[in-house]
């Protein structure tokens, strides 16, 4: 072997050793901000646990929590949605209160002694 061939062989051996001895660094996934914000909005609007959302999206739960801490200001529920929910709950409360009042009156009517009932016989 000539000097050039020996040098190339040594270089190849060194490169091969470097590849086999170097630890393979874990490939970290990078997500753009739009995806992160969408994930946080999905989590907030769906009401599902963060672990479920993270599993659905294929991200780690700690990453999702970090994104929520960072973008929570952009991903809070809309005020219109809260107001609509509040109106619906007030309507339901009024309906249920009316039903309760009707039932109270009904119980009161049936628990009163009837004026048409026969009086016990006196001996």
PDB file of N, CA and C in Angstrom:
ATOM      1  N   UNK A   1       0.839  -1.177   0.000  1.00  0.00           N
ATOM      2  CA  UNK A   1       0.000   0.000   0.000  1.00  0.00           C
ATOM      3  C   UNK A   1       0.881   1.237   0.000  1.00  0.00           C
ATOM      4  N   UNK A   2       0.464   2.184  -0.761  1.00  0.00           N
ATOM      5  CA  UNK A   2       1.219   3.422  -0.769  1.00  0.00           C
ATOM      6  C   UNK A   2       0.733   4.354   0.334  1.00  0.00           C
ATOM      7  N   UNK A   3       1.370   5.487   0.487  1.00  0.00           N
ATOM      8  CA  UNK A   3       1.040   6.406   1.570  1.00  0.00           C
ATOM      9  C   UNK A   3      -0.383   6.948   1.465  1.00  0.00           C
ATOM     10  N   UNK A   4      -0.820   7.261   0.220  1.00  0.00           N
ATOM     11  CA  UNK A   4      -2.172   7.806   0.036  1.00  0.00           C
ATOM     12  C   UNK A   4      -3.224   6.788   0.447  1.00  0.00           C
ATOM     13  N   UNK A   5      -3.056   5.547   0.050  1.00  0.00           N
ATOM     14  CA  UNK A   5      -4.027   4.509   0.369  1.00  0.00           C
ATOM     15  C   UNK A   5      -4.073   4.271   1.865  1.00  0.00           C
ATOM     16  N   UNK A   6      -2.905   4.267   2.521  1.00  0.00           N
ATOM     17  CA  UNK A   6      -2.871   4.086   3.960  1.00  0.00           C
ATOM     18  C   UNK A   6      -3.595   5.236   4.671  1.00  0.00           C
ATOM     19  N   UNK A   7      -3.378   6.451   4.200  1.00  0.00           N
ATOM     20  CA  UNK A   7      -4.009   7.620   4.810  1.00  0.00           C
ATOM     21  C   UNK A   7      -5.527   7.548   4.640  1.00  0.00           C
ATOM     22  N   UNK A   8      -5.982   7.142   3.447  1.00  0.00           N
ATOM     23  CA  UNK A   8      -7.425   7.028   3.197  1.00  0.00           C
ATOM     24  C   UNK A   8      -8.021   5.926   4.068  1.00  0.00           C
ATOM     25  N   UNK A   9      -7.341   4.801   4.196  1.00  0.00           N
ATOM     26  CA  UNK A   9      -7.830   3.699   5.011  1.00  0.00           C
ATOM     27  C   UNK A   9      -7.918   4.120   6.477  1.00  0.00           C
ATOM     28  N   UNK A  10      -6.888   4.846   6.950  1.00  0.00           N
ATOM     29  CA  UNK A  10      -6.900   5.323   8.322  1.00  0.00           C
ATOM     30  C   UNK A  10      -8.043   6.318   8.537  1.00  0.00           C
ATOM     31  N   UNK A  11      -8.286   7.198   7.568  1.00  0.00           N
ATOM     32  CA  UNK A  11      -9.356   8.180   7.651  1.00  0.00           C
ATOM     33  C   UNK A  11     -10.721   7.488   7.689  1.00  0.00           C
ATOM     34  N   UNK A  12     -10.905   6.467   6.863  1.00  0.00           N
ATOM     35  CA  UNK A  12     -12.162   5.719   6.829  1.00  0.00           C
ATOM     36  C   UNK A  12     -12.369   5.009   8.162  1.00  0.00           C
ATOM     37  N   UNK A  13     -11.301   4.391   8.699  1.00  0.00           N
ATOM     38  CA  UNK A  13     -11.400   3.686   9.972  1.00  0.00           C
ATOM     39  C   UNK A  13     -11.784   4.663  11.086  1.00  0.00           C
ATOM     40  N   UNK A  14     -11.170   5.828  11.111  1.00  0.00           N
ATOM     41  CA  UNK A  14     -11.455   6.831  12.133  1.00  0.00           C
ATOM     42  C   UNK A  14     -12.904   7.305  12.011  1.00  0.00           C
ATOM     43  N   UNK A  15     -13.365   7.547  10.777  1.00  0.00           N
ATOM     44  CA  UNK A  15     -14.728   8.001  10.554  1.00  0.00           C
ATOM     45  C   UNK A  15     -15.724   6.930  10.978  1.00  0.00           C
ATOM     46  N   UNK A  16     -15.444   5.665  10.656  1.00  0.00           N
ATOM     47  CA  UNK A  16     -16.329   4.568  11.019  1.00  0.00           C
ATOM     48  C   UNK A  16     -16.397   4.424  12.530  1.00  0.00           C
ATOM     49  N   UNK A  17     -15.261   4.530  13.212  1.00  0.00           N
ATOM     50  CA  UNK A  17     -15.244   4.433  14.658  1.00  0.00           C
ATOM     51  C   UNK A  17     -16.034   5.578  15.286  1.00  0.00           C
ATOM     52  N   UNK A  18     -15.903   6.744  14.727  1.00  0.00           N
ATOM     53  CA  UNK A  18     -16.622   7.896  15.266  1.00  0.00           C
ATOM     54  C   UNK A  18     -18.126   7.687  15.153  1.00  0.00           C
ATOM     55  N   UNK A  19     -18.578   7.101  14.043  1.00  0.00           N
ATOM     56  CA  UNK A  19     -20.004   6.850  13.866  1.00  0.00           C
ATOM     57  C   UNK A  19     -20.509   5.770  14.805  1.00  0.00           C
ATOM     58  N   UNK A  20     -19.711   4.766  15.065  1.00  0.00           N
ATOM     59  CA  UNK A  20     -20.178   3.669  15.911  1.00  0.00           C
ATOM     60  C   UNK A  20     -20.073   4.000  17.389  1.00  0.00           C
ATOM     61  N   UNK A  21     -19.081   4.829  17.781  1.00  0.00           N
ATOM     62  CA  UNK A  21     -18.920   5.129  19.192  1.00  0.00           C
ATOM     63  C   UNK A  21     -19.746   6.328  19.635  1.00  0.00           C
ATOM     64  N   UNK A  22     -20.104   7.204  18.731  1.00  0.00           N
ATOM     65  CA  UNK A  22     -20.899   8.381  19.095  1.00  0.00           C
ATOM     66  C   UNK A  22     -22.320   7.951  19.422  1.00  0.00           C
ATOM     67  N   UNK A  23     -22.840   8.534  20.476  1.00  0.00           N
ATOM     68  CA  UNK A  23     -24.216   8.223  20.851  1.00  0.00           C
ATOM     69  C   UNK A  23     -25.158   8.883  19.857  1.00  0.00           C
ATOM     70  N   UNK A  24     -26.164   8.147  19.498  1.00  0.00           N
ATOM     71  CA  UNK A  24     -27.153   8.712  18.592  1.00  0.00           C
ATOM     72  C   UNK A  24     -28.019   9.665  19.404  1.00  0.00           C
ATOM     73  N   UNK A  25     -27.989  10.914  19.023  1.00  0.00           N
ATOM     74  CA  UNK A  25     -28.808  11.883  19.767  1.00  0.00           C
ATOM     75  C   UNK A  25     -30.265  11.692  19.382  1.00  0.00           C
ATOM     76  N   UNK A  26     -31.150  11.775  20.356  1.00  0.00           N
ATOM     77  CA  UNK A  26     -32.564  11.609  20.041  1.00  0.00           C
ATOM     78  C   UNK A  26     -33.019  12.738  19.119  1.00  0.00           C
ATOM     79  N   UNK A  27     -33.771  12.355  18.132  1.00  0.00           N
ATOM     80  CA  UNK A  27     -34.245  13.367  17.195  1.00  0.00           C
ATOM     81  C   UNK A  27     -35.410  14.093  17.838  1.00  0.00           C
ATOM     82  N   UNK A  28     -35.213  15.356  18.106  1.00  0.00           N
ATOM     83  CA  UNK A  28     -36.281  16.132  18.723  1.00  0.00           C
ATOM     84  C   UNK A  28     -37.140  16.720  17.615  1.00  0.00           C
ATOM     85  N   UNK A  29     -38.424  16.650  17.837  1.00  0.00           N
ATOM     86  CA  UNK A  29     -39.349  17.184  16.856  1.00  0.00           C
ATOM     87  C   UNK A  29     -39.516  18.663  17.113  1.00  0.00           C
ATOM     88  N   UNK A  30     -39.603  19.424  16.067  1.00  0.00           N
ATOM     89  CA  UNK A  30     -39.821  20.853  16.177  1.00  0.00           C
ATOM     90  C   UNK A  30     -41.184  21.161  15.583  1.00  0.00           C
ATOM     91  N   UNK A  31     -41.977  21.901  16.327  1.00  0.00           N
ATOM     92  CA  UNK A  31     -43.311  22.265  15.864  1.00  0.00           C
ATOM     93  C   UNK A  31     -43.361  23.780  15.709  1.00  0.00           C
ATOM     94  N   UNK A  32     -44.048  24.225  14.684  1.00  0.00           N
ATOM     95  CA  UNK A  32     -44.165  25.660  14.495  1.00  0.00           C
ATOM     96  C   UNK A  32     -45.182  26.245  15.472  1.00  0.00           C
ATOM     97  N   UNK A  33     -45.155  27.558  15.628  1.00  0.00           N
ATOM     98  CA  UNK A  33     -46.013  28.204  16.618  1.00  0.00           C
ATOM     99  C   UNK A  33     -47.488  28.008  16.327  1.00  0.00           C
ATOM    100  N   UNK A  34     -47.864  27.976  15.064  1.00  0.00           N
ATOM    101  CA  UNK A  34     -49.278  27.791  14.714  1.00  0.00           C
ATOM    102  C   UNK A  34     -49.779  26.443  15.209  1.00  0.00           C
ATOM    103  N   UNK A  35     -48.948  25.404  15.066  1.00  0.00           N
ATOM    104  CA  UNK A  35     -49.349  24.077  15.529  1.00  0.00           C
ATOM    105  C   UNK A  35     -49.468  24.053  17.051  1.00  0.00           C
ATOM    106  N   UNK A  36     -48.527  24.721  17.730  1.00  0.00           N
ATOM    107  CA  UNK A  36     -48.558  24.758  19.191  1.00  0.00           C
ATOM    108  C   UNK A  36     -49.812  25.476  19.691  1.00  0.00           C
ATOM    109  N   UNK A  37     -50.115  26.624  19.080  1.00  0.00           N
ATOM    110  CA  UNK A  37     -51.298  27.380  19.479  1.00  0.00           C
ATOM    111  C   UNK A  37     -52.571  26.585  19.204  1.00  0.00           C
ATOM    112  N   UNK A  38     -52.606  25.894  18.064  1.00  0.00           N
ATOM    113  CA  UNK A  38     -53.780  25.085  17.728  1.00  0.00           C
ATOM    114  C   UNK A  38     -53.947  23.941  18.729  1.00  0.00           C
ATOM    115  N   UNK A  39     -52.848  23.352  19.154  1.00  0.00           N
ATOM    116  CA  UNK A  39     -52.917  22.260  20.130  1.00  0.00           C
ATOM    117  C   UNK A  39     -53.465  22.765  21.463  1.00  0.00           C
ATOM    118  N   UNK A  40     -53.011  23.937  21.890  1.00  0.00           N
ATOM    119  CA  UNK A  40     -53.485  24.503  23.154  1.00  0.00           C
ATOM    120  C   UNK A  40     -54.963  24.871  23.043  1.00  0.00           C
ATOM    121  N   UNK A  41     -55.362  25.483  21.933  1.00  0.00           N
ATOM    122  CA  UNK A  41     -56.770  25.835  21.735  1.00  0.00           C
ATOM    123  C   UNK A  41     -57.642  24.586  21.730  1.00  0.00           C
ATOM    124  N   UNK A  42     -57.171  23.538  21.066  1.00  0.00           N
ATOM    125  CA  UNK A  42     -57.894  22.269  21.035  1.00  0.00           C
ATOM    126  C   UNK A  42     -58.072  21.729  22.447  1.00  0.00           C
ATOM    127  N   UNK A  43     -57.020  21.797  23.242  1.00  0.00           N
ATOM    128  CA  UNK A  43     -57.066  21.309  24.618  1.00  0.00           C
ATOM    129  C   UNK A  43     -58.084  22.105  25.429  1.00  0.00           C
ATOM    130  N   UNK A  44     -58.047  23.423  25.323  1.00  0.00           N
ATOM    131  CA  UNK A  44     -58.940  24.266  26.119  1.00  0.00           C
ATOM    132  C   UNK A  44     -60.396  24.104  25.691  1.00  0.00           C
ATOM    133  N   UNK A  45     -60.639  24.090  24.386  1.00  0.00           N
ATOM    134  CA  UNK A  45     -62.020  24.034  23.896  1.00  0.00           C
ATOM    135  C   UNK A  45     -62.646  22.655  24.046  1.00  0.00           C
ATOM    136  N   UNK A  46     -61.833  21.606  23.962  1.00  0.00           N
ATOM    137  CA  UNK A  46     -62.396  20.255  24.018  1.00  0.00           C
ATOM    138  C   UNK A  46     -62.770  19.839  25.434  1.00  0.00           C
ATOM    139  N   UNK A  47     -62.056  20.359  26.412  1.00  0.00           N
ATOM    140  CA  UNK A  47     -62.320  19.956  27.792  1.00  0.00           C
ATOM    141  C   UNK A  47     -61.744  18.592  28.138  1.00  0.00           C
ATOM    142  N   UNK A  48     -61.031  17.982  27.214  1.00  0.00           N
ATOM    143  CA  UNK A  48     -60.408  16.680  27.468  1.00  0.00           C
ATOM    144  C   UNK A  48     -59.161  16.868  28.324  1.00  0.00           C
ATOM    145  N   UNK A  49     -58.736  15.812  29.015  1.00  0.00           N
ATOM    146  CA  UNK A  49     -57.483  15.899  29.776  1.00  0.00           C
ATOM    147  C   UNK A  49     -56.293  16.132  28.846  1.00  0.00           C
ATOM    148  N   UNK A  50     -55.300  16.831  29.363  1.00  0.00           N
ATOM    149  CA  UNK A  50     -54.112  17.142  28.568  1.00  0.00           C
ATOM    150  C   UNK A  50     -53.385  15.912  28.078  1.00  0.00           C
ATOM    151  N   UNK A  51     -53.389  14.855  28.880  1.00  0.00           N
ATOM    152  CA  UNK A  51     -52.695  13.636  28.468  1.00  0.00           C
ATOM    153  C   UNK A  51     -53.357  13.020  27.240  1.00  0.00           C
ATOM    154  N   UNK A  52     -54.680  13.119  27.156  1.00  0.00           N
ATOM    155  CA  UNK A  52     -55.398  12.569  26.007  1.00  0.00           C
ATOM    156  C   UNK A  52     -55.083  13.389  24.756  1.00  0.00           C
ATOM    157  N   UNK A  53     -55.107  14.711  24.890  1.00  0.00           N
ATOM    158  CA  UNK A  53     -54.804  15.588  23.755  1.00  0.00           C
ATOM    159  C   UNK A  53     -53.373  15.350  23.283  1.00  0.00           C
ATOM    160  N   UNK A  54     -52.441  15.243  24.238  1.00  0.00           N
ATOM    161  CA  UNK A  54     -51.037  15.014  23.878  1.00  0.00           C
ATOM    162  C   UNK A  54     -50.882  13.700  23.119  1.00  0.00           C
ATOM    163  N   UNK A  55     -51.567  12.661  23.579  1.00  0.00           N
ATOM    164  CA  UNK A  55     -51.472  11.364  22.893  1.00  0.00           C
ATOM    165  C   UNK A  55     -52.080  11.444  21.493  1.00  0.00           C
ATOM    166  N   UNK A  56     -53.202  12.162  21.355  1.00  0.00           N
ATOM    167  CA  UNK A  56     -53.834  12.293  20.039  1.00  0.00           C
ATOM    168  C   UNK A  56     -52.926  13.023  19.056  1.00  0.00           C
ATOM    169  N   UNK A  57     -52.196  14.021  19.556  1.00  0.00           N
ATOM    170  CA  UNK A  57     -51.342  14.826  18.683  1.00  0.00           C
ATOM    171  C   UNK A  57     -49.939  14.250  18.520  1.00  0.00           C
ATOM    172  N   UNK A  58     -49.602  13.278  19.358  1.00  0.00           N
ATOM    173  CA  UNK A  58     -48.276  12.675  19.263  1.00  0.00           C
ATOM    174  C   UNK A  58     -47.186  13.544  19.866  1.00  0.00           C
ATOM    175  N   UNK A  59     -47.536  14.348  20.865  1.00  0.00           N
ATOM    176  CA  UNK A  59     -46.551  15.179  21.557  1.00  0.00           C
ATOM    177  C   UNK A  59     -46.521  14.758  23.016  1.00  0.00           C
ATOM    178  N   UNK A  60     -45.500  15.194  23.714  1.00  0.00           N
ATOM    179  CA  UNK A  60     -45.420  14.835  25.129  1.00  0.00           C
ATOM    180  C   UNK A  60     -46.307  15.779  25.937  1.00  0.00           C
ATOM    181  N   UNK A  61     -46.815  15.255  27.048  1.00  0.00           N
ATOM    182  CA  UNK A  61     -47.683  16.060  27.900  1.00  0.00           C
ATOM    183  C   UNK A  61     -46.945  17.264  28.486  1.00  0.00           C
ATOM    184  N   UNK A  62     -45.676  17.100  28.942  1.00  0.00           N
ATOM    185  CA  UNK A  62     -44.968  18.282  29.441  1.00  0.00           C
ATOM    186  C   UNK A  62     -44.812  19.383  28.383  1.00  0.00           C
ATOM    187  N   UNK A  63     -44.604  18.996  27.133  1.00  0.00           N
ATOM    188  CA  UNK A  63     -44.509  19.995  26.062  1.00  0.00           C
ATOM    189  C   UNK A  63     -45.832  20.729  25.918  1.00  0.00           C
ATOM    190  N   UNK A  64     -46.919  19.986  25.948  1.00  0.00           N
ATOM    191  CA  UNK A  64     -48.241  20.597  25.817  1.00  0.00           C
ATOM    192  C   UNK A  64     -48.491  21.565  26.981  1.00  0.00           C
ATOM    193  N   UNK A  65     -48.080  21.180  28.203  1.00  0.00           N
ATOM    194  CA  UNK A  65     -48.247  22.072  29.349  1.00  0.00           C
ATOM    195  C   UNK A  65     -47.417  23.345  29.181  1.00  0.00           C
ATOM    196  N   UNK A  66     -46.201  23.208  28.667  1.00  0.00           N
ATOM    197  CA  UNK A  66     -45.354  24.381  28.428  1.00  0.00           C
ATOM    198  C   UNK A  66     -45.994  25.309  27.402  1.00  0.00           C
ATOM    199  N   UNK A  67     -46.536  24.719  26.340  1.00  0.00           N
ATOM    200  CA  UNK A  67     -47.194  25.527  25.308  1.00  0.00           C
ATOM    201  C   UNK A  67     -48.394  26.256  25.884  1.00  0.00           C
ATOM    202  N   UNK A  68     -49.133  25.563  26.757  1.00  0.00           N
ATOM    203  CA  UNK A  68     -50.309  26.197  27.359  1.00  0.00           C
ATOM    204  C   UNK A  68     -49.887  27.374  28.222  1.00  0.00           C
ATOM    205  N   UNK A  69     -48.809  27.203  28.988  1.00  0.00           N
ATOM    206  CA  UNK A  69     -48.318  28.298  29.819  1.00  0.00           C
ATOM    207  C   UNK A  69     -47.869  29.472  28.955  1.00  0.00           C
ATOM    208  N   UNK A  70     -47.282  29.183  27.807  1.00  0.00           N
ATOM    209  CA  UNK A  70     -46.768  30.229  26.930  1.00  0.00           C
ATOM    210  C   UNK A  70     -47.877  30.926  26.145  1.00  0.00           C
ATOM    211  N   UNK A  71     -48.862  30.159  25.649  1.00  0.00           N
ATOM    212  CA  UNK A  71     -49.864  30.722  24.745  1.00  0.00           C
ATOM    213  C   UNK A  71     -51.255  30.844  25.353  1.00  0.00           C
ATOM    214  N   UNK A  72     -51.376  30.658  26.638  1.00  0.00           N
ATOM    215  CA  UNK A  72     -52.701  30.648  27.259  1.00  0.00           C
ATOM    216  C   UNK A  72     -53.454  31.947  27.006  1.00  0.00           C
ATOM    217  N   UNK A  73     -52.769  33.061  26.938  1.00  0.00           N
ATOM    218  CA  UNK A  73     -53.421  34.337  26.674  1.00  0.00           C
ATOM    219  C   UNK A  73     -54.105  34.357  25.318  1.00  0.00           C
ATOM    220  N   UNK A  74     -53.525  33.662  24.336  1.00  0.00           N
ATOM    221  CA  UNK A  74     -54.107  33.622  22.997  1.00  0.00           C
ATOM    222  C   UNK A  74     -55.197  32.569  22.866  1.00  0.00           C
ATOM    223  N   UNK A  75     -55.261  31.642  23.819  1.00  0.00           N
ATOM    224  CA  UNK A  75     -56.141  30.490  23.632  1.00  0.00           C
ATOM    225  C   UNK A  75     -57.256  30.400  24.664  1.00  0.00           C
ATOM    226  N   UNK A  76     -57.589  31.498  25.325  1.00  0.00           N
ATOM    227  CA  UNK A  76     -58.674  31.438  26.295  1.00  0.00           C
ATOM    228  C   UNK A  76     -60.010  31.372  25.572  1.00  0.00           C
ATOM    229  N   UNK A  77     -61.015  30.785  26.202  1.00  0.00           N
ATOM    230  CA  UNK A  77     -62.315  30.689  25.540  1.00  0.00           C
ATOM    231  C   UNK A  77     -62.868  32.066  25.196  1.00  0.00           C
ATOM    232  N   UNK A  78     -63.608  32.132  24.124  1.00  0.00           N
ATOM    233  CA  UNK A  78     -64.183  33.394  23.666  1.00  0.00           C
ATOM    234  C   UNK A  78     -65.241  33.879  24.640  1.00  0.00           C
ATOM    235  N   UNK A  79     -65.323  35.184  24.838  1.00  0.00           N
ATOM    236  CA  UNK A  79     -66.284  35.767  25.761  1.00  0.00           C
ATOM    237  C   UNK A  79     -67.715  35.508  25.286  1.00  0.00           C
ATOM    238  N   UNK A  80     -67.942  35.553  23.980  1.00  0.00           N
ATOM    239  CA  UNK A  80     -69.280  35.293  23.437  1.00  0.00           C
ATOM    240  C   UNK A  80     -69.751  33.900  23.829  1.00  0.00           C
ATOM    241  N   UNK A  81     -68.849  32.951  23.788  1.00  0.00           N
ATOM    242  CA  UNK A  81     -69.190  31.575  24.143  1.00  0.00           C
ATOM    243  C   UNK A  81     -69.620  31.494  25.612  1.00  0.00           C
ATOM    244  N   UNK A  82     -68.908  32.173  26.469  1.00  0.00           N
ATOM    245  CA  UNK A  82     -69.241  32.163  27.889  1.00  0.00           C
ATOM    246  C   UNK A  82     -70.580  32.851  28.142  1.00  0.00           C
ATOM    247  N   UNK A  83     -70.830  33.941  27.455  1.00  0.00           N
ATOM    248  CA  UNK A  83     -72.100  34.654  27.634  1.00  0.00           C
ATOM    249  C   UNK A  83     -73.270  33.807  27.141  1.00  0.00           C
ATOM    250  N   UNK A  84     -73.086  33.126  26.021  1.00  0.00           N
ATOM    251  CA  UNK A  84     -74.148  32.255  25.504  1.00  0.00           C
ATOM    252  C   UNK A  84     -74.419  31.108  26.478  1.00  0.00           C
ATOM    253  N   UNK A  85     -73.372  30.550  27.025  1.00  0.00           N
ATOM    254  CA  UNK A  85     -73.538  29.469  27.998  1.00  0.00           C
ATOM    255  C   UNK A  85     -74.251  29.985  29.250  1.00  0.00           C
ATOM    256  N   UNK A  86     -73.896  31.184  29.668  1.00  0.00           N
ATOM    257  CA  UNK A  86     -74.530  31.782  30.839  1.00  0.00           C
ATOM    258  C   UNK A  86     -76.032  31.984  30.600  1.00  0.00           C
ATOM    259  N   UNK A  87     -76.400  32.488  29.417  1.00  0.00           N
ATOM    260  CA  UNK A  87     -77.824  32.668  29.084  1.00  0.00           C
ATOM    261  C   UNK A  87     -78.559  31.333  29.087  1.00  0.00           C
ATOM    262  N   UNK A  88     -77.951  30.317  28.506  1.00  0.00           N
ATOM    263  CA  UNK A  88     -78.587  28.992  28.457  1.00  0.00           C
ATOM    264  C   UNK A  88     -78.779  28.433  29.868  1.00  0.00           C
ATOM    265  N   UNK A  89     -77.790  28.607  30.715  1.00  0.00           N
ATOM    266  CA  UNK A  89     -77.899  28.109  32.083  1.00  0.00           C
ATOM    267  C   UNK A  89     -78.969  28.865  32.873  1.00  0.00           C
ATOM    268  N   UNK A  90     -79.100  30.153  32.639  1.00  0.00           N
ATOM    269  CA  UNK A  90     -80.148  30.931  33.312  1.00  0.00           C
ATOM    270  C   UNK A  90     -81.542  30.471  32.873  1.00  0.00           C
ATOM    271  N   UNK A  91     -81.701  30.194  31.570  1.00  0.00           N
ATOM    272  CA  UNK A  91     -82.996  29.686  31.075  1.00  0.00           C
ATOM    273  C   UNK A  91     -83.323  28.342  31.716  1.00  0.00           C
ATOM    274  N   UNK A  92     -82.325  27.463  31.785  1.00  0.00           N
ATOM    275  CA  UNK A  92     -82.548  26.153  32.388  1.00  0.00           C
ATOM    276  C   UNK A  92     -82.897  26.278  33.871  1.00  0.00           C
ATOM    277  N   UNK A  93     -82.218  27.190  34.573  1.00  0.00           N
ATOM    278  CA  UNK A  93     -82.516  27.404  35.987  1.00  0.00           C
ATOM    279  C   UNK A  93     -83.963  27.886  36.170  1.00  0.00           C
ATOM    280  N   UNK A  94     -84.415  28.792  35.321  1.00  0.00           N
ATOM    281  CA  UNK A  94     -85.793  29.294  35.412  1.00  0.00           C
ATOM    282  C   UNK A  94     -86.792  28.161  35.176  1.00  0.00           C
ATOM    283  N   UNK A  95     -86.509  27.320  34.184  1.00  0.00           N
ATOM    284  CA  UNK A  95     -87.409  26.198  33.871  1.00  0.00           C
ATOM    285  C   UNK A  95     -87.470  25.211  35.027  1.00  0.00           C
ATOM    286  N   UNK A  96     -86.329  24.869  35.591  1.00  0.00           N
ATOM    287  CA  UNK A  96     -86.282  23.898  36.691  1.00  0.00           C
ATOM    288  C   UNK A  96     -86.935  24.489  37.947  1.00  0.00           C
ATOM    289  N   UNK A  97     -86.731  25.774  38.195  1.00  0.00           N
ATOM    290  CA  UNK A  97     -87.383  26.419  39.352  1.00  0.00           C
ATOM    291  C   UNK A  97     -88.900  26.386  39.201  1.00  0.00           C
ATOM    292  N   UNK A  98     -89.381  26.633  37.991  1.00  0.00           N
ATOM    293  CA  UNK A  98     -90.830  26.582  37.751  1.00  0.00           C
ATOM    294  C   UNK A  98     -91.362  25.166  37.983  1.00  0.00           C
ATOM    295  N   UNK A  99     -90.658  24.162  37.518  1.00  0.00           N
ATOM    296  CA  UNK A  99     -91.079  22.781  37.746  1.00  0.00           C
ATOM    297  C   UNK A  99     -91.123  22.461  39.242  1.00  0.00           C
ATOM    298  N   UNK A 100     -90.120  22.933  39.985  1.00  0.00           N
ATOM    299  CA  UNK A 100     -90.084  22.699  41.429  1.00  0.00           C
ATOM    300  C   UNK A 100     -91.286  23.337  42.113  1.00  0.00           C
ATOM    301  N   UNK A 101     -91.607  24.574  41.719  1.00  0.00           N
ATOM    302  CA  UNK A 101     -92.743  25.267  42.329  1.00  0.00           C
ATOM    303  C   UNK A 101     -94.055  24.546  42.043  1.00  0.00           C
ATOM    304  N   UNK A 102     -94.203  24.043  40.817  1.00  0.00           N
ATOM    305  CA  UNK A 102     -95.423  23.297  40.459  1.00  0.00           C
ATOM    306  C   UNK A 102     -95.530  22.032  41.300  1.00  0.00           C
ATOM    307  N   UNK A 103     -94.418  21.330  41.462  1.00  0.00           N
ATOM    308  CA  UNK A 103     -94.430  20.116  42.277  1.00  0.00           C
ATOM    309  C   UNK A 103     -94.745  20.412  43.738  1.00  0.00           C
ATOM    310  N   UNK A 104     -94.241  21.515  44.271  1.00  0.00           N
ATOM    311  CA  UNK A 104     -94.549  21.886  45.652  1.00  0.00           C
ATOM    312  C   UNK A 104     -96.048  22.116  45.826  1.00  0.00           C
ATOM    313  N   UNK A 105     -96.640  22.835  44.865  1.00  0.00           N
ATOM    314  CA  UNK A 105     -98.082  23.104  44.938  1.00  0.00           C
ATOM    315  C   UNK A 105     -98.882  21.810  44.850  1.00  0.00           C
ATOM    316  N   UNK A 106     -98.437  20.910  43.975  1.00  0.00           N
ATOM    317  CA  UNK A 106     -99.132  19.636  43.805  1.00  0.00           C
ATOM    318  C   UNK A 106     -99.082  18.817  45.083  1.00  0.00           C
ATOM    319  N   UNK A 107     -97.951  18.746  45.711  1.00  0.00           N
ATOM    320  CA  UNK A 107     -97.813  18.006  46.964  1.00  0.00           C
ATOM    321  C   UNK A 107     -98.697  18.637  48.030  1.00  0.00           C
ATOM    322  N   UNK A 108     -98.750  19.968  48.063  1.00  0.00           N
ATOM    323  CA  UNK A 108     -99.591  20.652  49.033  1.00  0.00           C
ATOM    324  C   UNK A 108    -101.064  20.349  48.819  1.00  0.00           C
ATOM    325  N   UNK A 109    -101.501  20.260  47.574  1.00  0.00           N
ATOM    326  CA  UNK A 109    -102.907  19.977  47.267  1.00  0.00           C
ATOM    327  C   UNK A 109    -103.262  18.560  47.696  1.00  0.00           C
ATOM    328  N   UNK A 110    -102.391  17.606  47.383  1.00  0.00           N
ATOM    329  CA  UNK A 110    -102.699  16.211  47.700  1.00  0.00           C
ATOM    330  C   UNK A 110    -102.544  15.899  49.187  1.00  0.00           C
ATOM    331  N   UNK A 111    -101.804  16.676  49.907  1.00  0.00           N
ATOM    332  CA  UNK A 111    -101.620  16.390  51.333  1.00  0.00           C
ATOM    333  C   UNK A 111    -102.714  17.023  52.202  1.00  0.00           C
ATOM    334  N   UNK A 112    -103.497  17.972  51.668  1.00  0.00           N
ATOM    335  CA  UNK A 112    -104.603  18.567  52.422  1.00  0.00           C
ATOM    336  C   UNK A 112    -105.759  17.585  52.504  1.00  0.00           C
ATOM    337  N   UNK A 113    -106.434  17.555  53.643  1.00  0.00           N
ATOM    338  CA  UNK A 113    -107.613  16.680  53.716  1.00  0.00           C
ATOM    339  C   UNK A 113    -108.717  17.247  52.821  1.00  0.00           C
ATOM    340  N   UNK A 114    -109.382  16.377  52.177  1.00  0.00           N
ATOM    341  CA  UNK A 114    -110.416  16.783  51.242  1.00  0.00           C
ATOM    342  C   UNK A 114    -111.659  17.227  52.007  1.00  0.00           C
ATOM    343  N   UNK A 115    -112.290  18.291  51.535  1.00  0.00           N
ATOM    344  CA  UNK A 115    -113.512  18.767  52.188  1.00  0.00           C
ATOM    345  C   UNK A 115    -114.698  17.894  51.812  1.00  0.00           C
ATOM    346  N   UNK A 116    -114.594  17.109  50.763  1.00  0.00           N
ATOM    347  CA  UNK A 116    -115.675  16.226  50.325  1.00  0.00           C
ATOM    348  C   UNK A 116    -115.585  14.842  50.951  1.00  0.00           C
ATOM    349  N   UNK A 117    -114.586  14.603  51.710  1.00  0.00           N
ATOM    350  CA  UNK A 117    -114.402  13.271  52.297  1.00  0.00           C
ATOM    351  C   UNK A 117    -115.485  13.016  53.328  1.00  0.00           C
ATOM    352  N   UNK A 118    -115.847  11.785  53.450  1.00  0.00           N
ATOM    353  CA  UNK A 118    -116.884  11.428  54.430  1.00  0.00           C
ATOM    354  C   UNK A 118    -116.333  11.564  55.826  1.00  0.00           C
ATOM    355  N   UNK A 119    -117.141  12.084  56.678  1.00  0.00           N
ATOM    356  CA  UNK A 119    -116.725  12.284  58.061  1.00  0.00           C
ATOM    357  C   UNK A 119    -116.910  10.979  58.806  1.00  0.00           C
ATOM    358  N   UNK A 120    -116.028  10.708  59.759  1.00  0.00           N
ATOM    359  CA  UNK A 120    -116.192   9.458  60.511  1.00  0.00           C
ATOM    360  C   UNK A 120    -117.538   9.453  61.262  1.00  0.00           C
ATOM    361  N   UNK A 121    -118.109   8.306  61.349  1.00  0.00           N
ATOM    362  CA  UNK A 121    -119.386   8.145  62.046  1.00  0.00           C
ATOM    363  C   UNK A 121    -119.197   8.263  63.543  1.00  0.00           C
ATOM    364  N   UNK A 122    -120.121   8.944  64.173  1.00  0.00           N
ATOM    365  CA  UNK A 122    -120.045   9.052  65.632  1.00  0.00           C
ATOM    366  C   UNK A 122    -120.841   7.902  66.235  1.00  0.00           C
ATOM    367  N   UNK A 123    -120.373   7.260  67.245  1.00  0.00           N
ATOM    368  CA  UNK A 123    -121.112   6.142  67.859  1.00  0.00           C
ATOM    369  C   UNK A 123    -122.225   6.567  68.757  1.00  0.00           C
TER     370      UNK A 123
END
